[in-house]
Amino acid sequence: MSKAARNERRKAFATTCNALAVAFFISAFLQPLLSGRPNFVAMISALLAFVVLQSGLHYVLGQVED
């Protein structure tokens, strides 16, 4: 596999991680908070999932070759 193909695969994976992280953050953290009915277990879980996915995408993007 060429370097460009590996980079594109890494960038696509990072984009997917980012989309999932934002979806978790909005649906399980922000929406209950703004609606006035917070579920603290779900909110903490969503925040943790957001941090893990963001960390994963930053790690993957760090592996992109010049």
PDB file of N, CA and C in Angstrom:
ATOM      1  N   MET A   1       0.854  -1.169   0.000  1.00  0.00           N
ATOM      2  CA  MET A   1       0.000   0.000   0.000  1.00  0.00           C
ATOM      3  C   MET A   1       0.902   1.235   0.000  1.00  0.00           C
ATOM      4  N   SER A   2       0.569   2.194  -0.830  1.00  0.00           N
ATOM      5  CA  SER A   2       1.390   3.399  -0.941  1.00  0.00           C
ATOM      6  C   SER A   2       1.191   4.314   0.274  1.00  0.00           C
ATOM      7  N   LYS A   3       2.118   5.238   0.407  1.00  0.00           N
ATOM      8  CA  LYS A   3       2.050   6.187   1.524  1.00  0.00           C
ATOM      9  C   LYS A   3       0.781   7.036   1.438  1.00  0.00           C
ATOM     10  N   ALA A   4       0.409   7.452   0.237  1.00  0.00           N
ATOM     11  CA  ALA A   4      -0.795   8.268   0.067  1.00  0.00           C
ATOM     12  C   ALA A   4      -2.045   7.484   0.457  1.00  0.00           C
ATOM     13  N   ALA A   5      -2.079   6.213   0.113  1.00  0.00           N
ATOM     14  CA  ALA A   5      -3.237   5.380   0.464  1.00  0.00           C
ATOM     15  C   ALA A   5      -3.327   5.187   1.970  1.00  0.00           C
ATOM     16  N   ARG A   6      -2.189   4.977   2.630  1.00  0.00           N
ATOM     17  CA  ARG A   6      -2.199   4.846   4.095  1.00  0.00           C
ATOM     18  C   ARG A   6      -2.669   6.132   4.750  1.00  0.00           C
ATOM     19  N   ASN A   7      -2.203   7.265   4.231  1.00  0.00           N
ATOM     20  CA  ASN A   7      -2.626   8.551   4.797  1.00  0.00           C
ATOM     21  C   ASN A   7      -4.114   8.775   4.623  1.00  0.00           C
ATOM     22  N   GLU A   8      -4.642   8.451   3.455  1.00  0.00           N
ATOM     23  CA  GLU A   8      -6.073   8.617   3.220  1.00  0.00           C
ATOM     24  C   GLU A   8      -6.893   7.709   4.123  1.00  0.00           C
ATOM     25  N   ARG A   9      -6.431   6.490   4.329  1.00  0.00           N
ATOM     26  CA  ARG A   9      -7.123   5.560   5.234  1.00  0.00           C
ATOM     27  C   ARG A   9      -7.120   6.109   6.658  1.00  0.00           C
ATOM     28  N   ARG A  10      -5.995   6.645   7.088  1.00  0.00           N
ATOM     29  CA  ARG A  10      -5.903   7.217   8.443  1.00  0.00           C
ATOM     30  C   ARG A  10      -6.815   8.426   8.585  1.00  0.00           C
ATOM     31  N   LYS A  11      -6.833   9.283   7.569  1.00  0.00           N
ATOM     32  CA  LYS A  11      -7.688  10.468   7.636  1.00  0.00           C
ATOM     33  C   LYS A  11      -9.172  10.090   7.632  1.00  0.00           C
ATOM     34  N   ALA A  12      -9.532   9.080   6.872  1.00  0.00           N
ATOM     35  CA  ALA A  12     -10.932   8.631   6.859  1.00  0.00           C
ATOM     36  C   ALA A  12     -11.325   8.067   8.222  1.00  0.00           C
ATOM     37  N   PHE A  13     -10.437   7.298   8.839  1.00  0.00           N
ATOM     38  CA  PHE A  13     -10.715   6.756  10.172  1.00  0.00           C
ATOM     39  C   PHE A  13     -10.849   7.884  11.195  1.00  0.00           C
ATOM     40  N   ALA A  14      -9.984   8.878  11.114  1.00  0.00           N
ATOM     41  CA  ALA A  14     -10.047  10.008  12.041  1.00  0.00           C
ATOM     42  C   ALA A  14     -11.343  10.799  11.854  1.00  0.00           C
ATOM     43  N   THR A  15     -11.785  10.956  10.619  1.00  0.00           N
ATOM     44  CA  THR A  15     -13.039  11.659  10.354  1.00  0.00           C
ATOM     45  C   THR A  15     -14.222  10.901  10.951  1.00  0.00           C
ATOM     46  N   THR A  16     -14.210   9.582  10.838  1.00  0.00           N
ATOM     47  CA  THR A  16     -15.267   8.762  11.423  1.00  0.00           C
ATOM     48  C   THR A  16     -15.275   8.883  12.939  1.00  0.00           C
ATOM     49  N   CYS A  17     -14.096   8.829  13.546  1.00  0.00           N
ATOM     50  CA  CYS A  17     -13.999   8.994  15.005  1.00  0.00           C
ATOM     51  C   CYS A  17     -14.536  10.349  15.435  1.00  0.00           C
ATOM     52  N   ASN A  18     -14.229  11.388  14.679  1.00  0.00           N
ATOM     53  CA  ASN A  18     -14.701  12.718  15.021  1.00  0.00           C
ATOM     54  C   ASN A  18     -16.223  12.803  14.923  1.00  0.00           C
ATOM     55  N   ALA A  19     -16.792  12.231  13.873  1.00  0.00           N
ATOM     56  CA  ALA A  19     -18.244  12.252  13.711  1.00  0.00           C
ATOM     57  C   ALA A  19     -18.937  11.509  14.852  1.00  0.00           C
ATOM     58  N   LEU A  20     -18.402  10.357  15.240  1.00  0.00           N
ATOM     59  CA  LEU A  20     -18.981   9.610  16.352  1.00  0.00           C
ATOM     60  C   LEU A  20     -18.851  10.377  17.662  1.00  0.00           C
ATOM     61  N   ALA A  21     -17.704  11.010  17.878  1.00  0.00           N
ATOM     62  CA  ALA A  21     -17.491  11.770  19.106  1.00  0.00           C
ATOM     63  C   ALA A  21     -18.484  12.921  19.219  1.00  0.00           C
ATOM     64  N   VAL A  22     -18.679  13.637  18.137  1.00  0.00           N
ATOM     65  CA  VAL A  22     -19.618  14.759  18.153  1.00  0.00           C
ATOM     66  C   VAL A  22     -21.047  14.249  18.353  1.00  0.00           C
ATOM     67  N   ALA A  23     -21.388  13.131  17.726  1.00  0.00           N
ATOM     68  CA  ALA A  23     -22.730  12.567  17.888  1.00  0.00           C
ATOM     69  C   ALA A  23     -22.979  12.156  19.340  1.00  0.00           C
ATOM     70  N   PHE A  24     -22.007  11.495  19.974  1.00  0.00           N
ATOM     71  CA  PHE A  24     -22.147  11.128  21.383  1.00  0.00           C
ATOM     72  C   PHE A  24     -22.296  12.371  22.249  1.00  0.00           C
ATOM     73  N   PHE A  25     -21.477  13.372  21.999  1.00  0.00           N
ATOM     74  CA  PHE A  25     -21.496  14.579  22.809  1.00  0.00           C
ATOM     75  C   PHE A  25     -22.851  15.281  22.713  1.00  0.00           C
ATOM     76  N   ILE A  26     -23.361  15.441  21.505  1.00  0.00           N
ATOM     77  CA  ILE A  26     -24.631  16.157  21.328  1.00  0.00           C
ATOM     78  C   ILE A  26     -25.809  15.350  21.845  1.00  0.00           C
ATOM     79  N   SER A  27     -25.873  14.067  21.473  1.00  0.00           N
ATOM     80  CA  SER A  27     -27.070  13.288  21.804  1.00  0.00           C
ATOM     81  C   SER A  27     -27.155  12.862  23.258  1.00  0.00           C
ATOM     82  N   ALA A  28     -26.033  12.551  23.881  1.00  0.00           N
ATOM     83  CA  ALA A  28     -26.087  12.021  25.245  1.00  0.00           C
ATOM     84  C   ALA A  28     -25.589  12.997  26.303  1.00  0.00           C
ATOM     85  N   PHE A  29     -24.961  14.078  25.903  1.00  0.00           N
ATOM     86  CA  PHE A  29     -24.478  15.043  26.891  1.00  0.00           C
ATOM     87  C   PHE A  29     -25.222  16.366  26.777  1.00  0.00           C
ATOM     88  N   LEU A  30     -25.173  16.968  25.613  1.00  0.00           N
ATOM     89  CA  LEU A  30     -25.710  18.309  25.461  1.00  0.00           C
ATOM     90  C   LEU A  30     -27.245  18.343  25.441  1.00  0.00           C
ATOM     91  N   GLN A  31     -27.865  17.427  24.723  1.00  0.00           N
ATOM     92  CA  GLN A  31     -29.330  17.441  24.606  1.00  0.00           C
ATOM     93  C   GLN A  31     -30.022  17.252  25.955  1.00  0.00           C
ATOM     94  N   PRO A  32     -29.637  16.254  26.780  1.00  0.00           N
ATOM     95  CA  PRO A  32     -30.290  16.148  28.092  1.00  0.00           C
ATOM     96  C   PRO A  32     -30.028  17.354  28.996  1.00  0.00           C
ATOM     97  N   LEU A  33     -28.848  17.927  28.883  1.00  0.00           N
ATOM     98  CA  LEU A  33     -28.513  19.090  29.707  1.00  0.00           C
ATOM     99  C   LEU A  33     -29.392  20.281  29.341  1.00  0.00           C
ATOM    100  N   LEU A  34     -29.578  20.508  28.058  1.00  0.00           N
ATOM    101  CA  LEU A  34     -30.384  21.644  27.613  1.00  0.00           C
ATOM    102  C   LEU A  34     -31.883  21.422  27.789  1.00  0.00           C
ATOM    103  N   SER A  35     -32.326  20.168  27.808  1.00  0.00           N
ATOM    104  CA  SER A  35     -33.751  19.892  27.970  1.00  0.00           C
ATOM    105  C   SER A  35     -34.197  19.991  29.430  1.00  0.00           C
ATOM    106  N   GLY A  36     -33.246  20.040  30.337  1.00  0.00           N
ATOM    107  CA  GLY A  36     -33.594  20.151  31.748  1.00  0.00           C
ATOM    108  C   GLY A  36     -33.794  18.818  32.438  1.00  0.00           C
ATOM    109  N   ARG A  37     -33.527  17.722  31.760  1.00  0.00           N
ATOM    110  CA  ARG A  37     -33.665  16.390  32.356  1.00  0.00           C
ATOM    111  C   ARG A  37     -32.349  15.628  32.231  1.00  0.00           C
ATOM    112  N   PRO A  38     -31.329  16.059  32.952  1.00  0.00           N
ATOM    113  CA  PRO A  38     -30.031  15.414  32.804  1.00  0.00           C
ATOM    114  C   PRO A  38     -29.994  14.005  33.415  1.00  0.00           C
ATOM    115  N   ASN A  39     -29.383  13.100  32.704  1.00  0.00           N
ATOM    116  CA  ASN A  39     -29.102  11.752  33.186  1.00  0.00           C
ATOM    117  C   ASN A  39     -27.583  11.711  33.367  1.00  0.00           C
ATOM    118  N   PHE A  40     -27.145  11.834  34.602  1.00  0.00           N
ATOM    119  CA  PHE A  40     -25.732  12.039  34.855  1.00  0.00           C
ATOM    120  C   PHE A  40     -24.857  10.852  34.450  1.00  0.00           C
ATOM    121  N   VAL A  41     -25.362   9.633  34.547  1.00  0.00           N
ATOM    122  CA  VAL A  41     -24.584   8.469  34.139  1.00  0.00           C
ATOM    123  C   VAL A  41     -24.362   8.493  32.625  1.00  0.00           C
ATOM    124  N   ALA A  42     -25.415   8.774  31.877  1.00  0.00           N
ATOM    125  CA  ALA A  42     -25.286   8.852  30.416  1.00  0.00           C
ATOM    126  C   ALA A  42     -24.411  10.027  30.008  1.00  0.00           C
ATOM    127  N   MET A  43     -24.530  11.133  30.731  1.00  0.00           N
ATOM    128  CA  MET A  43     -23.730  12.309  30.397  1.00  0.00           C
ATOM    129  C   MET A  43     -22.247  12.059  30.635  1.00  0.00           C
ATOM    130  N   ILE A  44     -21.917  11.423  31.745  1.00  0.00           N
ATOM    131  CA  ILE A  44     -20.516  11.104  32.032  1.00  0.00           C
ATOM    132  C   ILE A  44     -19.985  10.103  31.019  1.00  0.00           C
ATOM    133  N   SER A  45     -20.808   9.110  30.663  1.00  0.00           N
ATOM    134  CA  SER A  45     -20.401   8.122  29.667  1.00  0.00           C
ATOM    135  C   SER A  45     -20.167   8.772  28.311  1.00  0.00           C
ATOM    136  N   ALA A  46     -21.036   9.680  27.926  1.00  0.00           N
ATOM    137  CA  ALA A  46     -20.890  10.365  26.643  1.00  0.00           C
ATOM    138  C   ALA A  46     -19.646  11.244  26.632  1.00  0.00           C
ATOM    139  N   LEU A  47     -19.394  11.914  27.736  1.00  0.00           N
ATOM    140  CA  LEU A  47     -18.205  12.756  27.817  1.00  0.00           C
ATOM    141  C   LEU A  47     -16.940  11.905  27.755  1.00  0.00           C
ATOM    142  N   LEU A  48     -16.958  10.765  28.413  1.00  0.00           N
ATOM    143  CA  LEU A  48     -15.822   9.853  28.360  1.00  0.00           C
ATOM    144  C   LEU A  48     -15.623   9.312  26.947  1.00  0.00           C
ATOM    145  N   ALA A  49     -16.717   8.930  26.269  1.00  0.00           N
ATOM    146  CA  ALA A  49     -16.627   8.448  24.890  1.00  0.00           C
ATOM    147  C   ALA A  49     -16.079   9.538  23.975  1.00  0.00           C
ATOM    148  N   PHE A  50     -16.506  10.777  24.201  1.00  0.00           N
ATOM    149  CA  PHE A  50     -16.002  11.898  23.405  1.00  0.00           C
ATOM    150  C   PHE A  50     -14.498  12.048  23.563  1.00  0.00           C
ATOM    151  N   VAL A  51     -14.035  12.016  24.794  1.00  0.00           N
ATOM    152  CA  VAL A  51     -12.601  12.179  25.056  1.00  0.00           C
ATOM    153  C   VAL A  51     -11.794  11.025  24.461  1.00  0.00           C
ATOM    154  N   VAL A  52     -12.283   9.799  24.620  1.00  0.00           N
ATOM    155  CA  VAL A  52     -11.568   8.633  24.081  1.00  0.00           C
ATOM    156  C   VAL A  52     -11.506   8.704  22.558  1.00  0.00           C
ATOM    157  N   LEU A  53     -12.623   9.016  21.910  1.00  0.00           N
ATOM    158  CA  LEU A  53     -12.626   9.086  20.448  1.00  0.00           C
ATOM    159  C   LEU A  53     -11.764  10.236  19.931  1.00  0.00           C
ATOM    160  N   GLN A  54     -11.799  11.359  20.603  1.00  0.00           N
ATOM    161  CA  GLN A  54     -10.950  12.476  20.191  1.00  0.00           C
ATOM    162  C   GLN A  54      -9.468  12.133  20.380  1.00  0.00           C
ATOM    163  N   SER A  55      -9.144  11.453  21.464  1.00  0.00           N
ATOM    164  CA  SER A  55      -7.762  11.028  21.685  1.00  0.00           C
ATOM    165  C   SER A  55      -7.324  10.048  20.603  1.00  0.00           C
ATOM    166  N   GLY A  56      -8.220   9.139  20.246  1.00  0.00           N
ATOM    167  CA  GLY A  56      -7.908   8.177  19.196  1.00  0.00           C
ATOM    168  C   GLY A  56      -7.669   8.842  17.857  1.00  0.00           C
ATOM    169  N   LEU A  57      -8.489   9.795  17.512  1.00  0.00           N
ATOM    170  CA  LEU A  57      -8.294  10.449  16.221  1.00  0.00           C
ATOM    171  C   LEU A  57      -7.029  11.283  16.203  1.00  0.00           C
ATOM    172  N   HIS A  58      -6.670  11.910  17.313  1.00  0.00           N
ATOM    173  CA  HIS A  58      -5.419  12.662  17.358  1.00  0.00           C
ATOM    174  C   HIS A  58      -4.214  11.736  17.250  1.00  0.00           C
ATOM    175  N   TYR A  59      -4.311  10.558  17.843  1.00  0.00           N
ATOM    176  CA  TYR A  59      -3.237   9.567  17.715  1.00  0.00           C
ATOM    177  C   TYR A  59      -3.099   9.123  16.260  1.00  0.00           C
ATOM    178  N   VAL A  60      -4.220   8.813  15.618  1.00  0.00           N
ATOM    179  CA  VAL A  60      -4.191   8.340  14.227  1.00  0.00           C
ATOM    180  C   VAL A  60      -3.650   9.440  13.317  1.00  0.00           C
ATOM    181  N   LEU A  61      -4.087  10.669  13.513  1.00  0.00           N
ATOM    182  CA  LEU A  61      -3.596  11.747  12.672  1.00  0.00           C
ATOM    183  C   LEU A  61      -2.109  12.041  12.904  1.00  0.00           C
ATOM    184  N   GLY A  62      -1.635  11.704  14.095  1.00  0.00           N
ATOM    185  CA  GLY A  62      -0.199  11.839  14.362  1.00  0.00           C
ATOM    186  C   GLY A  62       0.644  10.851  13.579  1.00  0.00           C
ATOM    187  N   GLN A  63       0.008   9.789  13.083  1.00  0.00           N
ATOM    188  CA  GLN A  63       0.713   8.764  12.318  1.00  0.00           C
ATOM    189  C   GLN A  63       0.752   9.084  10.820  1.00  0.00           C
ATOM    190  N   VAL A  64       0.096  10.157  10.381  1.00  0.00           N
ATOM    191  CA  VAL A  64       0.104  10.529   8.970  1.00  0.00           C
ATOM    192  C   VAL A  64       1.529  10.862   8.549  1.00  0.00           C
ATOM    193  N   GLU A  65       1.919  10.284   7.433  1.00  0.00           N
ATOM    194  CA  GLU A  65       3.288  10.483   6.929  1.00  0.00           C
ATOM    195  C   GLU A  65       3.348  11.708   6.026  1.00  0.00           C
ATOM    196  N   ASP A  66       4.481  12.374   6.054  1.00  0.00           N
ATOM    197  CA  ASP A  66       4.677  13.554   5.189  1.00  0.00           C
ATOM    198  C   ASP A  66       4.977  13.132   3.770  1.00  0.00           C
TER     199      ASP A  66
END
